[in-house]
Amino acid sequence: MNLYTFTSLLLIAIGVYGLLSQRHLFKMLVSLSVLELGVNILLVSIGYSKDGVAPILTPPEQIINPVDPLPQALVLTAIVIGVGTTALMSAIIVKIYKRTGTLDLSSNRGEDE
């Protein structure tokens, strides 16, 4: 296991722990962002090939160890989706704060209007 895979798994574990242990909405949002970062690094580390070359830049007869472009494309897509998800969740958190005056989930559970 290389350093990138280990780091990504550590970030995923930190993100999952933060999501499960926190009751504060902003801390949960940060934990989800850390989780997304860990997944993106894991995808890049899976697609890594030592001494790999981009197949589009190299003549076909010289390609010995091509780099797989699929994980890179998936990570770019995941980054865009992650930014959209974070923006939407931030807007929802602001609405919840304006309505309830707090970001703590444990104090919001019993309120029905």
C-alpha atoms as a PDB file:
ATOM      1  CA  MET A   1       0.000   0.000   0.000  1.00  0.00           C
ATOM      2  CA  ASN A   2       1.525   3.300  -1.057  1.00  0.00           C
ATOM      3  CA  LEU A   3       1.392   6.584   0.835  1.00  0.00           C
ATOM      4  CA  TYR A   4      -1.462   8.034  -1.242  1.00  0.00           C
ATOM      5  CA  THR A   5      -3.724   5.057  -0.639  1.00  0.00           C
ATOM      6  CA  PHE A   6      -2.979   5.100   3.083  1.00  0.00           C
ATOM      7  CA  THR A   7      -3.615   8.851   3.289  1.00  0.00           C
ATOM      8  CA  SER A   8      -6.865   8.561   1.374  1.00  0.00           C
ATOM      9  CA  LEU A   9      -8.125   5.751   3.600  1.00  0.00           C
ATOM     10  CA  LEU A  10      -7.193   7.808   6.665  1.00  0.00           C
ATOM     11  CA  LEU A  11      -9.127  10.811   5.310  1.00  0.00           C
ATOM     12  CA  ILE A  12     -12.125   8.592   4.542  1.00  0.00           C
ATOM     13  CA  ALA A  13     -12.052   7.227   8.096  1.00  0.00           C
ATOM     14  CA  ILE A  14     -11.816  10.747   9.555  1.00  0.00           C
ATOM     15  CA  GLY A  15     -14.727  11.900   7.389  1.00  0.00           C
ATOM     16  CA  VAL A  16     -16.947   8.964   8.331  1.00  0.00           C
ATOM     17  CA  TYR A  17     -16.105   9.398  12.018  1.00  0.00           C
ATOM     18  CA  GLY A  18     -16.931  13.089  11.818  1.00  0.00           C
ATOM     19  CA  LEU A  19     -20.255  12.409  10.110  1.00  0.00           C
ATOM     20  CA  LEU A  20     -21.260   9.817  12.676  1.00  0.00           C
ATOM     21  CA  SER A  21     -20.053  11.594  15.806  1.00  0.00           C
ATOM     22  CA  GLN A  22     -20.983  15.241  15.214  1.00  0.00           C
ATOM     23  CA  ARG A  23     -24.392  16.828  15.820  1.00  0.00           C
ATOM     24  CA  HIS A  24     -23.380  20.278  14.563  1.00  0.00           C
ATOM     25  CA  LEU A  25     -24.421  20.793  10.936  1.00  0.00           C
ATOM     26  CA  PHE A  26     -21.356  22.809   9.905  1.00  0.00           C
ATOM     27  CA  LYS A  27     -18.997  20.208  11.374  1.00  0.00           C
ATOM     28  CA  MET A  28     -20.905  17.527   9.488  1.00  0.00           C
ATOM     29  CA  LEU A  29     -20.468  19.522   6.260  1.00  0.00           C
ATOM     30  CA  VAL A  30     -16.711  19.779   6.851  1.00  0.00           C
ATOM     31  CA  SER A  31     -16.575  16.034   7.597  1.00  0.00           C
ATOM     32  CA  LEU A  32     -18.368  15.296   4.340  1.00  0.00           C
ATOM     33  CA  SER A  33     -15.873  17.469   2.455  1.00  0.00           C
ATOM     34  CA  VAL A  34     -12.975  15.568   4.058  1.00  0.00           C
ATOM     35  CA  LEU A  35     -14.662  12.296   3.059  1.00  0.00           C
ATOM     36  CA  GLU A  36     -15.018  13.499  -0.549  1.00  0.00           C
ATOM     37  CA  LEU A  37     -11.357  14.515  -0.606  1.00  0.00           C
ATOM     38  CA  GLY A  38     -10.323  11.067   0.629  1.00  0.00           C
ATOM     39  CA  VAL A  39     -12.397   9.337  -2.038  1.00  0.00           C
ATOM     40  CA  ASN A  40     -10.900  11.547  -4.760  1.00  0.00           C
ATOM     41  CA  ILE A  41      -7.344  10.824  -3.621  1.00  0.00           C
ATOM     42  CA  LEU A  42      -8.169   7.105  -3.493  1.00  0.00           C
ATOM     43  CA  LEU A  43      -9.443   7.175  -7.081  1.00  0.00           C
ATOM     44  CA  VAL A  44      -6.315   8.974  -8.270  1.00  0.00           C
ATOM     45  CA  SER A  45      -4.056   6.544  -6.391  1.00  0.00           C
ATOM     46  CA  ILE A  46      -5.869   3.576  -7.946  1.00  0.00           C
ATOM     47  CA  GLY A  47      -5.276   4.983 -11.424  1.00  0.00           C
ATOM     48  CA  TYR A  48      -1.624   5.795 -10.763  1.00  0.00           C
ATOM     49  CA  SER A  49       0.905   3.949 -12.875  1.00  0.00           C
ATOM     50  CA  LYS A  50       4.618   4.336 -12.157  1.00  0.00           C
ATOM     51  CA  ASP A  51       6.462   5.728 -15.179  1.00  0.00           C
ATOM     52  CA  GLY A  52       3.143   5.877 -17.012  1.00  0.00           C
ATOM     53  CA  VAL A  53       2.678   8.000 -20.112  1.00  0.00           C
ATOM     54  CA  ALA A  54      -0.430   9.619 -21.512  1.00  0.00           C
ATOM     55  CA  PRO A  55      -1.538   7.541 -24.513  1.00  0.00           C
ATOM     56  CA  ILE A  56      -2.773  10.587 -26.400  1.00  0.00           C
ATOM     57  CA  LEU A  57       0.664  12.263 -26.360  1.00  0.00           C
ATOM     58  CA  THR A  58       2.772   9.242 -27.276  1.00  0.00           C
ATOM     59  CA  PRO A  59       2.964   7.365 -30.571  1.00  0.00           C
ATOM     60  CA  PRO A  60       1.270   3.936 -30.288  1.00  0.00           C
ATOM     61  CA  GLU A  61       4.453   1.963 -30.872  1.00  0.00           C
ATOM     62  CA  GLN A  62       6.196   3.646 -27.906  1.00  0.00           C
ATOM     63  CA  ILE A  63       3.458   3.025 -25.344  1.00  0.00           C
ATOM     64  CA  ILE A  64       4.704   0.515 -22.792  1.00  0.00           C
ATOM     65  CA  ASN A  65       2.930   1.614 -19.635  1.00  0.00           C
ATOM     66  CA  PRO A  66      -0.122   3.777 -20.409  1.00  0.00           C
ATOM     67  CA  VAL A  67      -1.953   5.758 -17.746  1.00  0.00           C
ATOM     68  CA  ASP A  68      -5.633   4.957 -17.292  1.00  0.00           C
ATOM     69  CA  PRO A  69      -7.571   8.210 -17.891  1.00  0.00           C
ATOM     70  CA  LEU A  70     -10.849   6.944 -16.390  1.00  0.00           C
ATOM     71  CA  PRO A  71      -9.998   7.608 -12.697  1.00  0.00           C
ATOM     72  CA  GLN A  72      -8.856  11.118 -13.589  1.00  0.00           C
ATOM     73  CA  ALA A  73     -12.122  11.815 -15.407  1.00  0.00           C
ATOM     74  CA  LEU A  74     -14.096  10.404 -12.480  1.00  0.00           C
ATOM     75  CA  VAL A  75     -12.223  12.633 -10.031  1.00  0.00           C
ATOM     76  CA  LEU A  76     -12.878  15.739 -12.127  1.00  0.00           C
ATOM     77  CA  THR A  77     -16.568  14.856 -12.210  1.00  0.00           C
ATOM     78  CA  ALA A  78     -16.562  14.140  -8.471  1.00  0.00           C
ATOM     79  CA  ILE A  79     -14.972  17.526  -7.747  1.00  0.00           C
ATOM     80  CA  VAL A  80     -17.708  19.338  -9.676  1.00  0.00           C
ATOM     81  CA  ILE A  81     -20.437  17.304  -7.979  1.00  0.00           C
ATOM     82  CA  GLY A  82     -18.797  17.871  -4.586  1.00  0.00           C
ATOM     83  CA  VAL A  83     -18.743  21.645  -5.067  1.00  0.00           C
ATOM     84  CA  GLY A  84     -22.415  21.618  -6.039  1.00  0.00           C
ATOM     85  CA  THR A  85     -23.346  19.415  -3.102  1.00  0.00           C
ATOM     86  CA  THR A  86     -21.388  21.578  -0.675  1.00  0.00           C
ATOM     87  CA  ALA A  87     -23.011  24.758  -1.996  1.00  0.00           C
ATOM     88  CA  LEU A  88     -26.497  23.255  -1.724  1.00  0.00           C
ATOM     89  CA  MET A  89     -25.871  21.952   1.785  1.00  0.00           C
ATOM     90  CA  SER A  90     -24.448  25.327   2.835  1.00  0.00           C
ATOM     91  CA  ALA A  91     -27.605  27.058   1.622  1.00  0.00           C
ATOM     92  CA  ILE A  92     -29.773  24.551   3.492  1.00  0.00           C
ATOM     93  CA  ILE A  93     -27.699  25.028   6.655  1.00  0.00           C
ATOM     94  CA  VAL A  94     -28.145  28.817   6.424  1.00  0.00           C
ATOM     95  CA  LYS A  95     -31.926  28.356   6.065  1.00  0.00           C
ATOM     96  CA  ILE A  96     -32.006  26.032   9.084  1.00  0.00           C
ATOM     97  CA  TYR A  97     -30.006  28.533  11.128  1.00  0.00           C
ATOM     98  CA  LYS A  98     -32.304  31.413  10.171  1.00  0.00           C
ATOM     99  CA  ARG A  99     -35.377  29.383  11.090  1.00  0.00           C
ATOM    100  CA  THR A 100     -34.176  27.749  14.319  1.00  0.00           C
ATOM    101  CA  GLY A 101     -31.306  29.968  15.489  1.00  0.00           C
ATOM    102  CA  THR A 102     -28.991  26.997  16.044  1.00  0.00           C
ATOM    103  CA  LEU A 103     -27.012  24.465  14.038  1.00  0.00           C
ATOM    104  CA  ASP A 104     -27.144  21.726  16.651  1.00  0.00           C
ATOM    105  CA  LEU A 105     -29.220  18.769  15.470  1.00  0.00           C
ATOM    106  CA  SER A 106     -30.019  17.515  18.955  1.00  0.00           C
ATOM    107  CA  SER A 107     -31.857  20.744  19.806  1.00  0.00           C
ATOM    108  CA  ASN A 108     -33.738  20.787  16.472  1.00  0.00           C
ATOM    109  CA  ARG A 109     -35.230  17.302  16.719  1.00  0.00           C
ATOM    110  CA  GLY A 110     -38.273  18.063  18.849  1.00  0.00           C
ATOM    111  CA  GLU A 111     -39.399  21.233  17.101  1.00  0.00           C
ATOM    112  CA  ASP A 112     -42.451  21.074  14.829  1.00  0.00           C
ATOM    113  CA  GLU A 113     -44.160  24.211  13.583  1.00  0.00           C
END
